[in-house]
Amino acid sequence: MEPESREPEAVVFRTGNLDGHRLIEVEFPSRLDPSRLVTIIDPYFALWDDDVPTLQIVDVRRCEGLDDAAFEFLKLLVRRTVHQANYCATSWIVGENERIASDVTLLLACAVHTTDGIVQTWPEAAQHLRRFLSARSPGQG
């Protein structure tokens, strides 16, 4: 999969497929510049502009942590994402980064009241999404 947007220390979006479902991959840089975060809204939600059931993997392993501004921005972004009509599930890759694991745990608890889907590796993220898909009843996408 080719990056659709790549700048130094930019948020990168890729699209692909996982078991017949569209997959959006989001990769965060080591440092999040709150003044630049607003620039990801339009390209990110443009990826959701159709009815295709969509899974998501968010890779924050490199991220040094979430300051208050980034935390509040991402909380709103997560809340809006889970209300997309074609949204299925998300996995968050934190690697062995304990600080970001703690920040993402708090973020998800505040934004969507669950911390399900926080994993260390891409294969674990895919496995989490596959478990979600297998638990869905037939006909739900």
C-alpha atoms as a PDB file:
ATOM      1  CA  MET A   1       0.000   0.000   0.000  1.00  0.00           C
ATOM      2  CA  GLU A   2       1.311   3.412  -0.936  1.00  0.00           C
ATOM      3  CA  PRO A   3       1.101   6.316   1.505  1.00  0.00           C
ATOM      4  CA  GLU A   4      -1.549   8.790   0.411  1.00  0.00           C
ATOM      5  CA  SER A   5       0.088  11.633   2.308  1.00  0.00           C
ATOM      6  CA  ARG A   6       3.669  11.820   3.568  1.00  0.00           C
ATOM      7  CA  GLU A   7       5.491  14.767   5.060  1.00  0.00           C
ATOM      8  CA  PRO A   8       8.173  14.740   7.726  1.00  0.00           C
ATOM      9  CA  GLU A   9       6.396  14.145  11.012  1.00  0.00           C
ATOM     10  CA  ALA A  10       2.994  14.082   9.315  1.00  0.00           C
ATOM     11  CA  VAL A  11       0.077  11.805  10.062  1.00  0.00           C
ATOM     12  CA  VAL A  12       0.018   9.184   7.288  1.00  0.00           C
ATOM     13  CA  PHE A  13      -3.110   7.498   5.905  1.00  0.00           C
ATOM     14  CA  ARG A  14      -3.123   4.267   3.904  1.00  0.00           C
ATOM     15  CA  THR A  15      -6.060   2.256   2.649  1.00  0.00           C
ATOM     16  CA  GLY A  16      -6.151  -1.433   1.948  1.00  0.00           C
ATOM     17  CA  ASN A  17      -8.173  -4.559   2.577  1.00  0.00           C
ATOM     18  CA  LEU A  18      -8.501  -6.981   5.459  1.00  0.00           C
ATOM     19  CA  ASP A  19     -10.601 -10.083   4.862  1.00  0.00           C
ATOM     20  CA  GLY A  20     -12.852  -8.365   2.341  1.00  0.00           C
ATOM     21  CA  HIS A  21     -13.332  -5.184   4.372  1.00  0.00           C
ATOM     22  CA  ARG A  22     -11.755  -1.846   3.655  1.00  0.00           C
ATOM     23  CA  LEU A  23      -8.918  -1.083   6.045  1.00  0.00           C
ATOM     24  CA  ILE A  24      -7.803   2.426   6.903  1.00  0.00           C
ATOM     25  CA  GLU A  25      -4.370   2.597   8.487  1.00  0.00           C
ATOM     26  CA  VAL A  26      -3.366   5.744  10.326  1.00  0.00           C
ATOM     27  CA  GLU A  27       0.234   6.239  11.408  1.00  0.00           C
ATOM     28  CA  PHE A  28       1.071   8.999  13.862  1.00  0.00           C
ATOM     29  CA  PRO A  29       4.510  10.623  14.029  1.00  0.00           C
ATOM     30  CA  SER A  30       6.651  10.851  17.143  1.00  0.00           C
ATOM     31  CA  ARG A  31       5.386  14.318  17.981  1.00  0.00           C
ATOM     32  CA  LEU A  32       1.901  15.633  17.405  1.00  0.00           C
ATOM     33  CA  ASP A  33       1.762  19.324  16.619  1.00  0.00           C
ATOM     34  CA  PRO A  34      -1.683  20.449  17.826  1.00  0.00           C
ATOM     35  CA  SER A  35      -1.633  23.354  15.357  1.00  0.00           C
ATOM     36  CA  ARG A  36      -1.312  20.860  12.467  1.00  0.00           C
ATOM     37  CA  LEU A  37      -3.782  18.257  13.716  1.00  0.00           C
ATOM     38  CA  VAL A  38      -6.742  20.167  12.345  1.00  0.00           C
ATOM     39  CA  THR A  39      -5.310  19.664   8.842  1.00  0.00           C
ATOM     40  CA  ILE A  40      -5.955  15.903   9.018  1.00  0.00           C
ATOM     41  CA  ILE A  41      -9.737  16.189   9.469  1.00  0.00           C
ATOM     42  CA  ASP A  42     -10.756  16.609   5.820  1.00  0.00           C
ATOM     43  CA  PRO A  43      -8.425  13.989   4.289  1.00  0.00           C
ATOM     44  CA  TYR A  44      -9.241  11.531   7.071  1.00  0.00           C
ATOM     45  CA  PHE A  45     -13.017  11.770   6.824  1.00  0.00           C
ATOM     46  CA  ALA A  46     -12.836  11.754   3.015  1.00  0.00           C
ATOM     47  CA  LEU A  47     -11.732   8.117   3.437  1.00  0.00           C
ATOM     48  CA  TRP A  48     -15.142   7.371   5.002  1.00  0.00           C
ATOM     49  CA  ASP A  49     -17.258   8.904   2.198  1.00  0.00           C
ATOM     50  CA  ASP A  50     -18.985   5.735   1.014  1.00  0.00           C
ATOM     51  CA  ASP A  51     -20.909   2.752   2.358  1.00  0.00           C
ATOM     52  CA  VAL A  52     -18.064   0.206   2.400  1.00  0.00           C
ATOM     53  CA  PRO A  53     -17.734  -1.455   5.834  1.00  0.00           C
ATOM     54  CA  THR A  54     -14.475  -0.141   7.224  1.00  0.00           C
ATOM     55  CA  LEU A  55     -11.948  -1.335   9.783  1.00  0.00           C
ATOM     56  CA  GLN A  56      -9.133   0.790  11.116  1.00  0.00           C
ATOM     57  CA  ILE A  57      -5.651   0.301  12.532  1.00  0.00           C
ATOM     58  CA  VAL A  58      -4.100   3.305  14.286  1.00  0.00           C
ATOM     59  CA  ASP A  59      -0.356   3.037  14.820  1.00  0.00           C
ATOM     60  CA  VAL A  60       0.861   5.309  17.624  1.00  0.00           C
ATOM     61  CA  ARG A  61       4.001   3.338  18.604  1.00  0.00           C
ATOM     62  CA  ARG A  62       6.334   6.186  17.664  1.00  0.00           C
ATOM     63  CA  CYS A  63       4.250   8.848  19.389  1.00  0.00           C
ATOM     64  CA  GLU A  64       5.949  10.322  22.445  1.00  0.00           C
ATOM     65  CA  GLY A  65       2.647  10.985  24.161  1.00  0.00           C
ATOM     66  CA  LEU A  66      -0.494  13.070  23.997  1.00  0.00           C
ATOM     67  CA  ASP A  67      -0.461  16.547  25.439  1.00  0.00           C
ATOM     68  CA  ASP A  68      -3.775  18.049  26.550  1.00  0.00           C
ATOM     69  CA  ALA A  69      -4.538  19.652  23.171  1.00  0.00           C
ATOM     70  CA  ALA A  70      -3.775  16.454  21.210  1.00  0.00           C
ATOM     71  CA  PHE A  71      -5.773  14.390  23.712  1.00  0.00           C
ATOM     72  CA  GLU A  72      -8.877  16.591  23.355  1.00  0.00           C
ATOM     73  CA  PHE A  73      -8.569  16.690  19.566  1.00  0.00           C
ATOM     74  CA  LEU A  74      -8.222  12.909  19.302  1.00  0.00           C
ATOM     75  CA  LYS A  75     -11.085  12.350  21.732  1.00  0.00           C
ATOM     76  CA  LEU A  76     -13.399  14.282  19.408  1.00  0.00           C
ATOM     77  CA  LEU A  77     -11.970  12.538  16.334  1.00  0.00           C
ATOM     78  CA  VAL A  78     -12.534   9.088  17.880  1.00  0.00           C
ATOM     79  CA  ARG A  79     -16.089   9.970  18.872  1.00  0.00           C
ATOM     80  CA  ARG A  80     -16.887  11.193  15.369  1.00  0.00           C
ATOM     81  CA  THR A  81     -15.224   8.160  13.763  1.00  0.00           C
ATOM     82  CA  VAL A  82     -17.214   5.556  15.679  1.00  0.00           C
ATOM     83  CA  HIS A  83     -20.416   7.239  14.518  1.00  0.00           C
ATOM     84  CA  GLN A  84     -19.581   6.858  10.825  1.00  0.00           C
ATOM     85  CA  ALA A  85     -22.269   4.659   9.235  1.00  0.00           C
ATOM     86  CA  ASN A  86     -19.661   2.298   7.758  1.00  0.00           C
ATOM     87  CA  TYR A  87     -17.450   2.070  10.874  1.00  0.00           C
ATOM     88  CA  CYS A  88     -16.796  -1.462  12.136  1.00  0.00           C
ATOM     89  CA  ALA A  89     -13.869  -1.519  14.582  1.00  0.00           C
ATOM     90  CA  THR A  90     -10.444  -0.074  15.405  1.00  0.00           C
ATOM     91  CA  SER A  91      -7.207  -1.508  16.761  1.00  0.00           C
ATOM     92  CA  TRP A  92      -4.571   0.769  18.293  1.00  0.00           C
ATOM     93  CA  ILE A  93      -0.920  -0.315  18.012  1.00  0.00           C
ATOM     94  CA  VAL A  94       1.113   1.006  20.937  1.00  0.00           C
ATOM     95  CA  GLY A  95       4.140  -1.278  20.727  1.00  0.00           C
ATOM     96  CA  GLU A  96       6.126  -1.354  23.933  1.00  0.00           C
ATOM     97  CA  ASN A  97       5.624   2.388  24.448  1.00  0.00           C
ATOM     98  CA  GLU A  98       4.198   2.476  27.969  1.00  0.00           C
ATOM     99  CA  ARG A  99       3.459   6.199  27.946  1.00  0.00           C
ATOM    100  CA  ILE A 100       1.397   6.087  24.753  1.00  0.00           C
ATOM    101  CA  ALA A 101      -0.300   2.880  25.919  1.00  0.00           C
ATOM    102  CA  SER A 102      -1.406   4.728  29.047  1.00  0.00           C
ATOM    103  CA  ASP A 103      -2.474   7.803  27.044  1.00  0.00           C
ATOM    104  CA  VAL A 104      -4.472   5.728  24.527  1.00  0.00           C
ATOM    105  CA  THR A 105      -6.115   3.731  27.319  1.00  0.00           C
ATOM    106  CA  LEU A 106      -7.295   6.965  28.942  1.00  0.00           C
ATOM    107  CA  LEU A 107      -8.280   8.436  25.557  1.00  0.00           C
ATOM    108  CA  LEU A 108     -10.487   5.472  24.648  1.00  0.00           C
ATOM    109  CA  ALA A 109     -11.982   5.246  28.130  1.00  0.00           C
ATOM    110  CA  CYS A 110     -12.982   8.920  27.899  1.00  0.00           C
ATOM    111  CA  ALA A 111     -14.042   8.931  24.244  1.00  0.00           C
ATOM    112  CA  VAL A 112     -15.881   5.626  23.827  1.00  0.00           C
ATOM    113  CA  HIS A 113     -15.935   4.030  27.281  1.00  0.00           C
ATOM    114  CA  THR A 114     -13.943   0.952  26.252  1.00  0.00           C
ATOM    115  CA  THR A 115     -10.268   0.167  25.957  1.00  0.00           C
ATOM    116  CA  ASP A 116     -10.768  -2.836  23.699  1.00  0.00           C
ATOM    117  CA  GLY A 117      -8.358  -3.076  20.781  1.00  0.00           C
ATOM    118  CA  ILE A 118      -5.111  -1.776  22.283  1.00  0.00           C
ATOM    119  CA  VAL A 119      -2.323  -4.070  21.058  1.00  0.00           C
ATOM    120  CA  GLN A 120       1.446  -4.095  20.586  1.00  0.00           C
ATOM    121  CA  THR A 121       1.888  -5.251  16.972  1.00  0.00           C
ATOM    122  CA  TRP A 122       0.258  -5.126  13.546  1.00  0.00           C
ATOM    123  CA  PRO A 123      -0.495  -8.885  13.534  1.00  0.00           C
ATOM    124  CA  GLU A 124      -2.222  -8.494  16.922  1.00  0.00           C
ATOM    125  CA  ALA A 125      -4.214  -5.563  15.512  1.00  0.00           C
ATOM    126  CA  ALA A 126      -5.350  -7.643  12.544  1.00  0.00           C
ATOM    127  CA  GLN A 127      -6.225 -10.530  14.868  1.00  0.00           C
ATOM    128  CA  HIS A 128      -8.326  -8.213  17.051  1.00  0.00           C
ATOM    129  CA  LEU A 129     -10.229  -6.952  13.997  1.00  0.00           C
ATOM    130  CA  ARG A 130     -10.751 -10.522  12.734  1.00  0.00           C
ATOM    131  CA  ARG A 131     -12.162 -11.531  16.134  1.00  0.00           C
ATOM    132  CA  PHE A 132     -14.550  -8.600  15.889  1.00  0.00           C
ATOM    133  CA  LEU A 133     -15.630  -9.669  12.395  1.00  0.00           C
ATOM    134  CA  SER A 134     -16.132 -13.290  13.412  1.00  0.00           C
ATOM    135  CA  ALA A 135     -18.313 -12.208  16.347  1.00  0.00           C
ATOM    136  CA  ARG A 136     -20.609 -10.176  14.073  1.00  0.00           C
ATOM    137  CA  SER A 137     -23.740 -11.882  12.971  1.00  0.00           C
ATOM    138  CA  PRO A 138     -24.171 -12.656   9.243  1.00  0.00           C
ATOM    139  CA  GLY A 139     -25.545  -9.792   7.205  1.00  0.00           C
ATOM    140  CA  GLN A 140     -23.893  -7.037   9.247  1.00  0.00           C
ATOM    141  CA  GLY A 141     -21.144  -6.403   6.713  1.00  0.00           C
END
